[in-house]
């Protein structure tokens, strides 16, 4: 058996604890260290590791101590912290020369994306953003077929995503803008935006957006109208309040086909002419570490690259700027 990859975790919240239940049992992975400001979260993650039969990882309250004291004992880092912390922590990991699996969204602004890209280019490390849709076999197959020209020219995109997010996360850090970096559109809606950015295979050119906070500190409902640099038009709608449940529906209109797919890549429907194929379904990834390791090994496309994160950040910055100006169109540079 090849030598295990030594893993460090920054952010020991519920998502990290959920993933650790499978990661601690993977023969390819060895948990070495974790960092979180919460002692309760650190203990929970340690308990998950030891319950799986893994050795107790070293524990730190400050991620900088983890990187300083354990740098030579680590190969890869998983970051799962509130959105506004991603840029600083991801850049520090890249500068330390460690490969990085980063929870979504990659960063909160274009400036942060450019700083991270510079650090990644200098160190040459692998960085992957953990969007389920970006790692979904249905999304990746759709991207491959679209790039091959099978569906023809992309004409338009219509995307929508909804969840009873406003009430579900009332009082949560996700609704504190200084920590979250945005509201529903930037949290759950990020899955829709990322899948659109990936499958459109184009940067956005111009964006007009409106937001409604519904009395909260962050956006709850968002409507976007946009033009892509490849000429396609797009509308994106996010509704963060409504009946229980969470779902999405994205339609890609091509000159030869119509592709319907959800933001997480859980299902897909393709219509060619008058023929509609049966719905295909795929399990939404419960253990994305396997995909990260495949990307790291070079056997899988890095659909969560820093360059894709920059495309996403450019779209998000433009949405915020336009919404702040009551829908005034914003041209996107680059």
C-alpha atoms as a PDB file:
ATOM      1  CA  UNK A   1       0.000   0.000   0.000  1.00  0.00           C
ATOM      2  CA  UNK A   2       1.284   3.462  -0.838  1.00  0.00           C
ATOM      3  CA  UNK A   3       2.066   5.927   1.910  1.00  0.00           C
ATOM      4  CA  UNK A   4      -0.972   7.650   3.388  1.00  0.00           C
ATOM      5  CA  UNK A   5      -1.619  11.307   2.627  1.00  0.00           C
ATOM      6  CA  UNK A   6      -1.409  13.348   5.795  1.00  0.00           C
ATOM      7  CA  UNK A   7      -4.469  15.567   6.292  1.00  0.00           C
ATOM      8  CA  UNK A   8      -4.953  18.743   8.266  1.00  0.00           C
ATOM      9  CA  UNK A   9      -8.389  20.304   8.819  1.00  0.00           C
ATOM     10  CA  UNK A  10      -9.051  24.011   9.315  1.00  0.00           C
ATOM     11  CA  UNK A  11     -12.597  24.503  10.566  1.00  0.00           C
ATOM     12  CA  UNK A  12     -14.034  21.618  12.598  1.00  0.00           C
ATOM     13  CA  UNK A  13     -17.707  22.444  12.126  1.00  0.00           C
ATOM     14  CA  UNK A  14     -20.573  20.121  11.276  1.00  0.00           C
ATOM     15  CA  UNK A  15     -19.587  19.675   7.619  1.00  0.00           C
ATOM     16  CA  UNK A  16     -16.046  18.661   8.558  1.00  0.00           C
ATOM     17  CA  UNK A  17     -17.361  16.264  11.198  1.00  0.00           C
ATOM     18  CA  UNK A  18     -19.773  14.753   8.674  1.00  0.00           C
ATOM     19  CA  UNK A  19     -17.041  14.146   6.102  1.00  0.00           C
ATOM     20  CA  UNK A  20     -14.579  12.898   8.728  1.00  0.00           C
ATOM     21  CA  UNK A  21     -16.805   9.900   9.408  1.00  0.00           C
ATOM     22  CA  UNK A  22     -15.808   8.489   6.017  1.00  0.00           C
ATOM     23  CA  UNK A  23     -12.409  10.144   5.581  1.00  0.00           C
ATOM     24  CA  UNK A  24     -11.033   8.699   8.842  1.00  0.00           C
ATOM     25  CA  UNK A  25     -11.746   5.219   7.450  1.00  0.00           C
ATOM     26  CA  UNK A  26     -10.114   5.815   4.063  1.00  0.00           C
ATOM     27  CA  UNK A  27      -6.864   3.842   3.687  1.00  0.00           C
ATOM     28  CA  UNK A  28      -5.391   6.734   1.686  1.00  0.00           C
ATOM     29  CA  UNK A  29      -5.848   9.318   4.447  1.00  0.00           C
ATOM     30  CA  UNK A  30      -4.244   9.919   7.828  1.00  0.00           C
ATOM     31  CA  UNK A  31      -5.715  12.643  10.056  1.00  0.00           C
ATOM     32  CA  UNK A  32      -2.799  14.580  11.543  1.00  0.00           C
ATOM     33  CA  UNK A  33      -4.106  17.889  12.892  1.00  0.00           C
ATOM     34  CA  UNK A  34      -7.131  20.136  13.138  1.00  0.00           C
ATOM     35  CA  UNK A  35      -7.779  23.762  14.039  1.00  0.00           C
ATOM     36  CA  UNK A  36     -10.918  25.574  15.120  1.00  0.00           C
ATOM     37  CA  UNK A  37     -11.663  28.496  17.422  1.00  0.00           C
ATOM     38  CA  UNK A  38     -14.342  26.396  19.148  1.00  0.00           C
ATOM     39  CA  UNK A  39     -13.146  23.825  21.682  1.00  0.00           C
ATOM     40  CA  UNK A  40     -16.486  22.025  21.353  1.00  0.00           C
ATOM     41  CA  UNK A  41     -16.040  21.658  17.600  1.00  0.00           C
ATOM     42  CA  UNK A  42     -12.470  20.439  17.994  1.00  0.00           C
ATOM     43  CA  UNK A  43     -13.539  17.787  20.498  1.00  0.00           C
ATOM     44  CA  UNK A  44     -16.389  16.636  18.250  1.00  0.00           C
ATOM     45  CA  UNK A  45     -14.048  16.109  15.307  1.00  0.00           C
ATOM     46  CA  UNK A  46     -11.471  14.338  17.466  1.00  0.00           C
ATOM     47  CA  UNK A  47     -14.210  12.013  18.742  1.00  0.00           C
ATOM     48  CA  UNK A  48     -15.265  11.237  15.144  1.00  0.00           C
ATOM     49  CA  UNK A  49     -11.675  10.317  14.244  1.00  0.00           C
ATOM     50  CA  UNK A  50     -11.067   8.104  17.263  1.00  0.00           C
ATOM     51  CA  UNK A  51     -14.453   6.414  16.877  1.00  0.00           C
ATOM     52  CA  UNK A  52     -13.380   5.414  13.374  1.00  0.00           C
ATOM     53  CA  UNK A  53     -10.232   3.843  14.771  1.00  0.00           C
ATOM     54  CA  UNK A  54      -7.911   6.635  13.672  1.00  0.00           C
ATOM     55  CA  UNK A  55      -5.266   8.109  16.003  1.00  0.00           C
ATOM     56  CA  UNK A  56      -6.220  11.310  17.822  1.00  0.00           C
ATOM     57  CA  UNK A  57      -5.151  14.294  15.683  1.00  0.00           C
ATOM     58  CA  UNK A  58      -3.274  17.253  17.126  1.00  0.00           C
ATOM     59  CA  UNK A  59      -5.588  20.115  18.045  1.00  0.00           C
ATOM     60  CA  UNK A  60      -5.115  23.887  17.716  1.00  0.00           C
ATOM     61  CA  UNK A  61      -7.317  26.909  18.389  1.00  0.00           C
ATOM     62  CA  UNK A  62      -5.543  28.962  15.679  1.00  0.00           C
ATOM     63  CA  UNK A  63      -5.025  27.673  12.148  1.00  0.00           C
ATOM     64  CA  UNK A  64      -1.736  29.575  11.938  1.00  0.00           C
ATOM     65  CA  UNK A  65      -0.337  27.428  14.732  1.00  0.00           C
ATOM     66  CA  UNK A  66      -1.379  24.316  12.817  1.00  0.00           C
ATOM     67  CA  UNK A  67       0.440  25.487   9.684  1.00  0.00           C
ATOM     68  CA  UNK A  68       3.533  26.577  11.607  1.00  0.00           C
ATOM     69  CA  UNK A  69       3.921  23.587  13.910  1.00  0.00           C
ATOM     70  CA  UNK A  70       2.691  20.802  11.605  1.00  0.00           C
ATOM     71  CA  UNK A  71       3.764  21.993   8.172  1.00  0.00           C
ATOM     72  CA  UNK A  72       6.290  19.201   7.611  1.00  0.00           C
ATOM     73  CA  UNK A  73       3.827  16.573   8.835  1.00  0.00           C
ATOM     74  CA  UNK A  74       1.112  17.466   6.289  1.00  0.00           C
ATOM     75  CA  UNK A  75       0.379  16.865   2.605  1.00  0.00           C
ATOM     76  CA  UNK A  76      -3.119  18.294   2.196  1.00  0.00           C
ATOM     77  CA  UNK A  77      -5.471  20.678   3.997  1.00  0.00           C
ATOM     78  CA  UNK A  78      -9.263  20.774   4.053  1.00  0.00           C
ATOM     79  CA  UNK A  79     -10.729  24.201   4.886  1.00  0.00           C
ATOM     80  CA  UNK A  80     -14.334  24.383   6.110  1.00  0.00           C
ATOM     81  CA  UNK A  81     -14.853  27.750   7.788  1.00  0.00           C
ATOM     82  CA  UNK A  82     -17.293  30.672   7.316  1.00  0.00           C
ATOM     83  CA  UNK A  83     -17.033  32.141   3.824  1.00  0.00           C
ATOM     84  CA  UNK A  84     -15.284  35.382   4.743  1.00  0.00           C
ATOM     85  CA  UNK A  85     -12.358  33.420   6.228  1.00  0.00           C
ATOM     86  CA  UNK A  86     -11.632  31.397   3.098  1.00  0.00           C
ATOM     87  CA  UNK A  87      -9.356  33.861   1.311  1.00  0.00           C
ATOM     88  CA  UNK A  88      -6.953  34.430   4.191  1.00  0.00           C
ATOM     89  CA  UNK A  89      -6.767  30.777   5.179  1.00  0.00           C
ATOM     90  CA  UNK A  90      -6.570  29.391   1.639  1.00  0.00           C
ATOM     91  CA  UNK A  91      -3.809  31.821   0.708  1.00  0.00           C
ATOM     92  CA  UNK A  92      -1.856  30.852   3.839  1.00  0.00           C
ATOM     93  CA  UNK A  93      -2.196  27.159   2.940  1.00  0.00           C
ATOM     94  CA  UNK A  94      -1.011  27.799  -0.633  1.00  0.00           C
ATOM     95  CA  UNK A  95       1.932  29.839   0.628  1.00  0.00           C
ATOM     96  CA  UNK A  96       2.834  26.936   2.925  1.00  0.00           C
ATOM     97  CA  UNK A  97       3.059  24.711  -0.160  1.00  0.00           C
ATOM     98  CA  UNK A  98       0.204  22.388   0.781  1.00  0.00           C
ATOM     99  CA  UNK A  99      -2.516  21.088  -1.522  1.00  0.00           C
ATOM    100  CA  UNK A 100      -5.953  22.415  -0.613  1.00  0.00           C
ATOM    101  CA  UNK A 101      -9.523  21.146  -0.667  1.00  0.00           C
ATOM    102  CA  UNK A 102     -11.598  24.264   0.013  1.00  0.00           C
ATOM    103  CA  UNK A 103     -15.272  24.445   0.912  1.00  0.00           C
ATOM    104  CA  UNK A 104     -17.475  26.548  -1.314  1.00  0.00           C
ATOM    105  CA  UNK A 105     -17.538  29.330  -2.256  1.00  0.00           C
ATOM    106  CA  UNK A 106     -13.823  29.758  -2.943  1.00  0.00           C
ATOM    107  CA  UNK A 107     -13.620  33.401  -1.807  1.00  0.00           C
ATOM    108  CA  UNK A 108     -15.974  36.378  -1.483  1.00  0.00           C
ATOM    109  CA  UNK A 109     -14.505  38.925  -3.968  1.00  0.00           C
ATOM    110  CA  UNK A 110     -12.504  39.188  -7.177  1.00  0.00           C
ATOM    111  CA  UNK A 111      -9.586  40.771  -5.312  1.00  0.00           C
ATOM    112  CA  UNK A 112      -9.419  37.768  -2.966  1.00  0.00           C
ATOM    113  CA  UNK A 113      -9.566  35.376  -5.921  1.00  0.00           C
ATOM    114  CA  UNK A 114      -6.679  37.142  -7.639  1.00  0.00           C
ATOM    115  CA  UNK A 115      -4.575  37.005  -4.458  1.00  0.00           C
ATOM    116  CA  UNK A 116      -5.219  33.273  -4.086  1.00  0.00           C
ATOM    117  CA  UNK A 117      -4.442  32.625  -7.751  1.00  0.00           C
ATOM    118  CA  UNK A 118      -1.106  34.424  -7.363  1.00  0.00           C
ATOM    119  CA  UNK A 119      -0.243  32.282  -4.337  1.00  0.00           C
ATOM    120  CA  UNK A 120      -1.244  29.102  -6.157  1.00  0.00           C
ATOM    121  CA  UNK A 121       0.803  29.978  -9.238  1.00  0.00           C
ATOM    122  CA  UNK A 122       3.863  30.716  -7.117  1.00  0.00           C
ATOM    123  CA  UNK A 123       3.708  27.503  -5.075  1.00  0.00           C
ATOM    124  CA  UNK A 124       2.254  25.202  -7.739  1.00  0.00           C
ATOM    125  CA  UNK A 125      -0.095  23.474  -5.297  1.00  0.00           C
ATOM    126  CA  UNK A 126      -3.397  21.871  -6.235  1.00  0.00           C
ATOM    127  CA  UNK A 127      -6.493  23.795  -5.116  1.00  0.00           C
ATOM    128  CA  UNK A 128     -10.016  22.418  -5.556  1.00  0.00           C
ATOM    129  CA  UNK A 129     -13.260  24.090  -4.435  1.00  0.00           C
ATOM    130  CA  UNK A 130     -15.715  21.537  -3.039  1.00  0.00           C
ATOM    131  CA  UNK A 131     -18.857  22.225  -5.085  1.00  0.00           C
ATOM    132  CA  UNK A 132     -20.885  19.013  -5.381  1.00  0.00           C
ATOM    133  CA  UNK A 133     -22.119  20.121  -8.791  1.00  0.00           C
ATOM    134  CA  UNK A 134     -18.619  20.755 -10.058  1.00  0.00           C
ATOM    135  CA  UNK A 135     -17.612  17.223  -9.041  1.00  0.00           C
ATOM    136  CA  UNK A 136     -20.838  15.518 -10.184  1.00  0.00           C
ATOM    137  CA  UNK A 137     -20.426  12.939 -12.965  1.00  0.00           C
ATOM    138  CA  UNK A 138     -23.592  14.241 -14.664  1.00  0.00           C
ATOM    139  CA  UNK A 139     -22.327  17.828 -14.689  1.00  0.00           C
ATOM    140  CA  UNK A 140     -18.876  16.791 -15.889  1.00  0.00           C
ATOM    141  CA  UNK A 141     -20.376  14.611 -18.633  1.00  0.00           C
ATOM    142  CA  UNK A 142     -22.631  17.498 -19.705  1.00  0.00           C
ATOM    143  CA  UNK A 143     -19.604  19.804 -19.853  1.00  0.00           C
ATOM    144  CA  UNK A 144     -17.639  17.298 -21.957  1.00  0.00           C
ATOM    145  CA  UNK A 145     -20.479  16.803 -24.422  1.00  0.00           C
ATOM    146  CA  UNK A 146     -21.186  20.526 -24.688  1.00  0.00           C
ATOM    147  CA  UNK A 147     -17.508  21.296 -25.360  1.00  0.00           C
ATOM    148  CA  UNK A 148     -17.438  18.597 -28.047  1.00  0.00           C
ATOM    149  CA  UNK A 149     -20.215  20.465 -29.906  1.00  0.00           C
ATOM    150  CA  UNK A 150     -22.798  17.706 -29.488  1.00  0.00           C
ATOM    151  CA  UNK A 151     -25.479  20.141 -28.296  1.00  0.00           C
ATOM    152  CA  UNK A 152     -24.616  22.942 -30.699  1.00  0.00           C
ATOM    153  CA  UNK A 153     -24.344  26.620 -29.813  1.00  0.00           C
ATOM    154  CA  UNK A 154     -25.398  27.793 -26.368  1.00  0.00           C
ATOM    155  CA  UNK A 155     -28.289  30.234 -26.794  1.00  0.00           C
ATOM    156  CA  UNK A 156     -29.677  30.911 -23.314  1.00  0.00           C
ATOM    157  CA  UNK A 157     -29.706  29.752 -19.686  1.00  0.00           C
ATOM    158  CA  UNK A 158     -32.554  29.834 -17.184  1.00  0.00           C
ATOM    159  CA  UNK A 159     -31.704  28.911 -13.599  1.00  0.00           C
ATOM    160  CA  UNK A 160     -33.605  28.942 -10.344  1.00  0.00           C
ATOM    161  CA  UNK A 161     -32.907  27.721  -6.835  1.00  0.00           C
ATOM    162  CA  UNK A 162     -35.056  27.824  -3.706  1.00  0.00           C
ATOM    163  CA  UNK A 163     -35.019  26.886  -0.030  1.00  0.00           C
ATOM    164  CA  UNK A 164     -36.682  27.901   3.249  1.00  0.00           C
ATOM    165  CA  UNK A 165     -33.267  29.402   4.039  1.00  0.00           C
ATOM    166  CA  UNK A 166     -34.389  32.614   5.729  1.00  0.00           C
ATOM    167  CA  UNK A 167     -36.128  30.789   8.561  1.00  0.00           C
ATOM    168  CA  UNK A 168     -33.826  27.750   8.619  1.00  0.00           C
ATOM    169  CA  UNK A 169     -30.747  29.896   9.289  1.00  0.00           C
ATOM    170  CA  UNK A 170     -32.274  32.694  11.340  1.00  0.00           C
ATOM    171  CA  UNK A 171     -29.540  33.896  13.738  1.00  0.00           C
ATOM    172  CA  UNK A 172     -26.912  31.676  12.074  1.00  0.00           C
ATOM    173  CA  UNK A 173     -23.530  33.029  10.928  1.00  0.00           C
ATOM    174  CA  UNK A 174     -24.746  32.585   7.344  1.00  0.00           C
ATOM    175  CA  UNK A 175     -26.996  35.606   7.895  1.00  0.00           C
ATOM    176  CA  UNK A 176     -24.214  37.797   9.322  1.00  0.00           C
ATOM    177  CA  UNK A 177     -22.784  39.614   6.267  1.00  0.00           C
ATOM    178  CA  UNK A 178     -19.376  40.332   7.790  1.00  0.00           C
ATOM    179  CA  UNK A 179     -18.842  36.572   8.177  1.00  0.00           C
ATOM    180  CA  UNK A 180     -20.920  35.101   5.365  1.00  0.00           C
ATOM    181  CA  UNK A 181     -19.969  37.425   2.511  1.00  0.00           C
ATOM    182  CA  UNK A 182     -23.584  37.450   1.315  1.00  0.00           C
ATOM    183  CA  UNK A 183     -26.984  35.922   1.813  1.00  0.00           C
ATOM    184  CA  UNK A 184     -28.995  33.175   0.151  1.00  0.00           C
ATOM    185  CA  UNK A 185     -27.617  33.806  -3.346  1.00  0.00           C
ATOM    186  CA  UNK A 186     -24.041  33.451  -2.091  1.00  0.00           C
ATOM    187  CA  UNK A 187     -24.765  30.418   0.092  1.00  0.00           C
ATOM    188  CA  UNK A 188     -27.191  27.949  -1.488  1.00  0.00           C
ATOM    189  CA  UNK A 189     -27.371  30.025  -4.667  1.00  0.00           C
ATOM    190  CA  UNK A 190     -23.617  29.581  -5.079  1.00  0.00           C
ATOM    191  CA  UNK A 191     -24.300  26.025  -6.250  1.00  0.00           C
ATOM    192  CA  UNK A 192     -26.445  27.356  -9.093  1.00  0.00           C
ATOM    193  CA  UNK A 193     -23.971  30.080 -10.042  1.00  0.00           C
ATOM    194  CA  UNK A 194     -21.042  27.663 -10.050  1.00  0.00           C
ATOM    195  CA  UNK A 195     -22.792  25.033 -12.183  1.00  0.00           C
ATOM    196  CA  UNK A 196     -23.814  27.759 -14.634  1.00  0.00           C
ATOM    197  CA  UNK A 197     -20.262  29.150 -14.749  1.00  0.00           C
ATOM    198  CA  UNK A 198     -18.867  25.675 -15.372  1.00  0.00           C
ATOM    199  CA  UNK A 199     -21.308  24.534 -18.060  1.00  0.00           C
ATOM    200  CA  UNK A 200     -21.585  27.878 -19.873  1.00  0.00           C
ATOM    201  CA  UNK A 201     -17.837  27.702 -20.597  1.00  0.00           C
ATOM    202  CA  UNK A 202     -17.716  31.498 -20.741  1.00  0.00           C
ATOM    203  CA  UNK A 203     -17.168  34.483 -18.514  1.00  0.00           C
ATOM    204  CA  UNK A 204     -20.052  36.892 -18.016  1.00  0.00           C
ATOM    205  CA  UNK A 205     -20.022  40.183 -19.916  1.00  0.00           C
ATOM    206  CA  UNK A 206     -22.839  42.254 -18.409  1.00  0.00           C
ATOM    207  CA  UNK A 207     -25.085  41.778 -15.366  1.00  0.00           C
ATOM    208  CA  UNK A 208     -28.216  43.460 -14.020  1.00  0.00           C
ATOM    209  CA  UNK A 209     -29.474  42.329 -10.612  1.00  0.00           C
ATOM    210  CA  UNK A 210     -32.034  43.047  -7.915  1.00  0.00           C
ATOM    211  CA  UNK A 211     -32.048  41.843  -4.317  1.00  0.00           C
ATOM    212  CA  UNK A 212     -34.642  41.822  -1.555  1.00  0.00           C
ATOM    213  CA  UNK A 213     -33.518  41.243   2.031  1.00  0.00           C
ATOM    214  CA  UNK A 214     -37.020  40.573   3.341  1.00  0.00           C
ATOM    215  CA  UNK A 215     -36.111  42.402   6.550  1.00  0.00           C
ATOM    216  CA  UNK A 216     -32.851  40.499   7.119  1.00  0.00           C
ATOM    217  CA  UNK A 217     -29.259  41.796   6.995  1.00  0.00           C
ATOM    218  CA  UNK A 218     -28.520  39.762   3.869  1.00  0.00           C
ATOM    219  CA  UNK A 219     -30.257  39.039   0.587  1.00  0.00           C
ATOM    220  CA  UNK A 220     -33.081  36.513   0.688  1.00  0.00           C
ATOM    221  CA  UNK A 221     -34.350  36.854  -2.901  1.00  0.00           C
ATOM    222  CA  UNK A 222     -32.225  37.712  -5.943  1.00  0.00           C
ATOM    223  CA  UNK A 223     -33.040  38.097  -9.637  1.00  0.00           C
ATOM    224  CA  UNK A 224     -30.290  38.341 -12.259  1.00  0.00           C
ATOM    225  CA  UNK A 225     -30.373  39.064 -15.988  1.00  0.00           C
ATOM    226  CA  UNK A 226     -27.081  38.710 -17.812  1.00  0.00           C
ATOM    227  CA  UNK A 227     -25.196  38.395 -21.091  1.00  0.00           C
ATOM    228  CA  UNK A 228     -22.197  36.091 -21.404  1.00  0.00           C
ATOM    229  CA  UNK A 229     -19.101  36.830 -23.446  1.00  0.00           C
ATOM    230  CA  UNK A 230     -19.993  33.963 -25.784  1.00  0.00           C
ATOM    231  CA  UNK A 231     -23.248  35.769 -26.612  1.00  0.00           C
ATOM    232  CA  UNK A 232     -25.631  33.584 -24.614  1.00  0.00           C
ATOM    233  CA  UNK A 233     -28.232  35.227 -22.364  1.00  0.00           C
ATOM    234  CA  UNK A 234     -29.009  34.107 -18.804  1.00  0.00           C
ATOM    235  CA  UNK A 235     -31.573  34.633 -16.084  1.00  0.00           C
ATOM    236  CA  UNK A 236     -30.931  33.403 -12.542  1.00  0.00           C
ATOM    237  CA  UNK A 237     -33.449  33.510  -9.698  1.00  0.00           C
ATOM    238  CA  UNK A 238     -32.844  32.646  -6.051  1.00  0.00           C
ATOM    239  CA  UNK A 239     -35.676  32.473  -3.509  1.00  0.00           C
ATOM    240  CA  UNK A 240     -34.487  31.994   0.054  1.00  0.00           C
ATOM    241  CA  UNK A 241     -37.903  31.738   1.679  1.00  0.00           C
ATOM    242  CA  UNK A 242     -40.838  29.473   0.992  1.00  0.00           C
ATOM    243  CA  UNK A 243     -42.184  26.022   1.849  1.00  0.00           C
ATOM    244  CA  UNK A 244     -39.841  23.443   3.388  1.00  0.00           C
ATOM    245  CA  UNK A 245     -37.319  21.918   1.023  1.00  0.00           C
ATOM    246  CA  UNK A 246     -34.355  22.850  -1.133  1.00  0.00           C
ATOM    247  CA  UNK A 247     -34.143  22.350  -4.888  1.00  0.00           C
ATOM    248  CA  UNK A 248     -32.984  23.840  -8.161  1.00  0.00           C
ATOM    249  CA  UNK A 249     -33.710  23.682 -11.868  1.00  0.00           C
ATOM    250  CA  UNK A 250     -31.269  24.941 -14.510  1.00  0.00           C
ATOM    251  CA  UNK A 251     -32.088  24.807 -18.226  1.00  0.00           C
ATOM    252  CA  UNK A 252     -29.422  25.202 -20.911  1.00  0.00           C
ATOM    253  CA  UNK A 253     -30.901  26.016 -24.315  1.00  0.00           C
ATOM    254  CA  UNK A 254     -28.583  24.953 -27.147  1.00  0.00           C
ATOM    255  CA  UNK A 255     -29.192  25.127 -30.880  1.00  0.00           C
ATOM    256  CA  UNK A 256     -29.491  21.320 -31.079  1.00  0.00           C
ATOM    257  CA  UNK A 257     -30.667  20.314 -27.604  1.00  0.00           C
ATOM    258  CA  UNK A 258     -32.122  21.370 -24.271  1.00  0.00           C
ATOM    259  CA  UNK A 259     -30.378  20.206 -21.099  1.00  0.00           C
ATOM    260  CA  UNK A 260     -32.128  20.390 -17.732  1.00  0.00           C
ATOM    261  CA  UNK A 261     -29.979  19.761 -14.680  1.00  0.00           C
ATOM    262  CA  UNK A 262     -30.001  20.627 -11.000  1.00  0.00           C
ATOM    263  CA  UNK A 263     -27.318  22.702  -9.320  1.00  0.00           C
ATOM    264  CA  UNK A 264     -25.808  19.782  -7.392  1.00  0.00           C
ATOM    265  CA  UNK A 265     -25.736  17.446 -10.380  1.00  0.00           C
ATOM    266  CA  UNK A 266     -28.215  15.042  -8.812  1.00  0.00           C
ATOM    267  CA  UNK A 267     -30.295  14.659 -11.976  1.00  0.00           C
ATOM    268  CA  UNK A 268     -30.302  15.545 -15.695  1.00  0.00           C
ATOM    269  CA  UNK A 269     -32.766  15.500 -18.574  1.00  0.00           C
ATOM    270  CA  UNK A 270     -31.731  15.969 -22.228  1.00  0.00           C
ATOM    271  CA  UNK A 271     -34.094  16.720 -25.130  1.00  0.00           C
ATOM    272  CA  UNK A 272     -32.901  16.520 -28.725  1.00  0.00           C
ATOM    273  CA  UNK A 273     -35.474  17.591 -31.276  1.00  0.00           C
ATOM    274  CA  UNK A 274     -38.793  16.048 -30.260  1.00  0.00           C
ATOM    275  CA  UNK A 275     -37.152  13.224 -28.320  1.00  0.00           C
ATOM    276  CA  UNK A 276     -36.742  13.569 -24.557  1.00  0.00           C
ATOM    277  CA  UNK A 277     -34.462  11.117 -22.811  1.00  0.00           C
ATOM    278  CA  UNK A 278     -35.416   9.655 -19.465  1.00  0.00           C
ATOM    279  CA  UNK A 279     -34.213  11.506 -16.373  1.00  0.00           C
ATOM    280  CA  UNK A 280     -30.774  10.376 -15.250  1.00  0.00           C
ATOM    281  CA  UNK A 281     -29.952  10.487 -11.563  1.00  0.00           C
ATOM    282  CA  UNK A 282     -26.686  10.424  -9.644  1.00  0.00           C
ATOM    283  CA  UNK A 283     -26.086  10.373  -5.916  1.00  0.00           C
ATOM    284  CA  UNK A 284     -24.987  13.787  -4.649  1.00  0.00           C
ATOM    285  CA  UNK A 285     -21.469  13.242  -3.396  1.00  0.00           C
ATOM    286  CA  UNK A 286     -21.191  12.063   0.187  1.00  0.00           C
ATOM    287  CA  UNK A 287     -17.412  11.676   0.054  1.00  0.00           C
ATOM    288  CA  UNK A 288     -15.879  14.283  -2.276  1.00  0.00           C
ATOM    289  CA  UNK A 289     -12.386  13.546  -0.923  1.00  0.00           C
ATOM    290  CA  UNK A 290     -12.165  10.728  -3.475  1.00  0.00           C
ATOM    291  CA  UNK A 291     -12.680  13.275  -6.261  1.00  0.00           C
ATOM    292  CA  UNK A 292     -10.110  15.611  -4.740  1.00  0.00           C
ATOM    293  CA  UNK A 293      -7.547  12.811  -4.643  1.00  0.00           C
ATOM    294  CA  UNK A 294      -8.303  11.938  -8.285  1.00  0.00           C
ATOM    295  CA  UNK A 295      -7.811  15.566  -9.304  1.00  0.00           C
ATOM    296  CA  UNK A 296      -4.607  15.710  -7.283  1.00  0.00           C
ATOM    297  CA  UNK A 297      -3.369  12.563  -9.036  1.00  0.00           C
ATOM    298  CA  UNK A 298      -4.184  14.051 -12.447  1.00  0.00           C
ATOM    299  CA  UNK A 299      -6.799  11.444 -13.370  1.00  0.00           C
ATOM    300  CA  UNK A 300      -9.758  13.843 -13.209  1.00  0.00           C
ATOM    301  CA  UNK A 301     -10.319  17.363 -14.540  1.00  0.00           C
ATOM    302  CA  UNK A 302     -10.063  20.090 -11.916  1.00  0.00           C
ATOM    303  CA  UNK A 303     -13.517  21.582 -12.351  1.00  0.00           C
ATOM    304  CA  UNK A 304     -13.060  23.448  -9.059  1.00  0.00           C
ATOM    305  CA  UNK A 305      -9.908  25.295 -10.077  1.00  0.00           C
ATOM    306  CA  UNK A 306      -8.900  28.766  -8.912  1.00  0.00           C
ATOM    307  CA  UNK A 307      -9.601  30.041 -12.447  1.00  0.00           C
ATOM    308  CA  UNK A 308     -13.183  28.784 -12.205  1.00  0.00           C
ATOM    309  CA  UNK A 309     -13.373  30.440  -8.796  1.00  0.00           C
ATOM    310  CA  UNK A 310     -12.342  33.728 -10.388  1.00  0.00           C
ATOM    311  CA  UNK A 311     -15.131  33.443 -12.987  1.00  0.00           C
ATOM    312  CA  UNK A 312     -17.598  32.869 -10.147  1.00  0.00           C
ATOM    313  CA  UNK A 313     -16.187  35.815  -8.143  1.00  0.00           C
ATOM    314  CA  UNK A 314     -16.493  38.162 -11.124  1.00  0.00           C
ATOM    315  CA  UNK A 315     -20.150  37.228 -11.492  1.00  0.00           C
ATOM    316  CA  UNK A 316     -20.835  37.638  -7.760  1.00  0.00           C
ATOM    317  CA  UNK A 317     -19.093  41.024  -7.536  1.00  0.00           C
ATOM    318  CA  UNK A 318     -21.130  42.259 -10.508  1.00  0.00           C
ATOM    319  CA  UNK A 319     -24.387  41.010  -8.971  1.00  0.00           C
ATOM    320  CA  UNK A 320     -23.657  42.873  -5.726  1.00  0.00           C
ATOM    321  CA  UNK A 321     -22.656  46.060  -7.545  1.00  0.00           C
ATOM    322  CA  UNK A 322     -25.724  46.072  -9.784  1.00  0.00           C
ATOM    323  CA  UNK A 323     -28.146  45.255  -6.952  1.00  0.00           C
ATOM    324  CA  UNK A 324     -26.675  48.088  -4.863  1.00  0.00           C
ATOM    325  CA  UNK A 325     -27.417  50.422  -7.792  1.00  0.00           C
ATOM    326  CA  UNK A 326     -31.031  49.214  -8.166  1.00  0.00           C
ATOM    327  CA  UNK A 327     -30.378  46.993 -11.160  1.00  0.00           C
ATOM    328  CA  UNK A 328     -28.063  49.266 -13.145  1.00  0.00           C
ATOM    329  CA  UNK A 329     -26.180  47.034 -15.630  1.00  0.00           C
ATOM    330  CA  UNK A 330     -22.547  46.308 -14.724  1.00  0.00           C
ATOM    331  CA  UNK A 331     -19.920  45.404 -17.307  1.00  0.00           C
ATOM    332  CA  UNK A 332     -17.427  42.780 -16.185  1.00  0.00           C
ATOM    333  CA  UNK A 333     -13.780  43.387 -16.985  1.00  0.00           C
ATOM    334  CA  UNK A 334     -11.413  40.579 -17.928  1.00  0.00           C
END
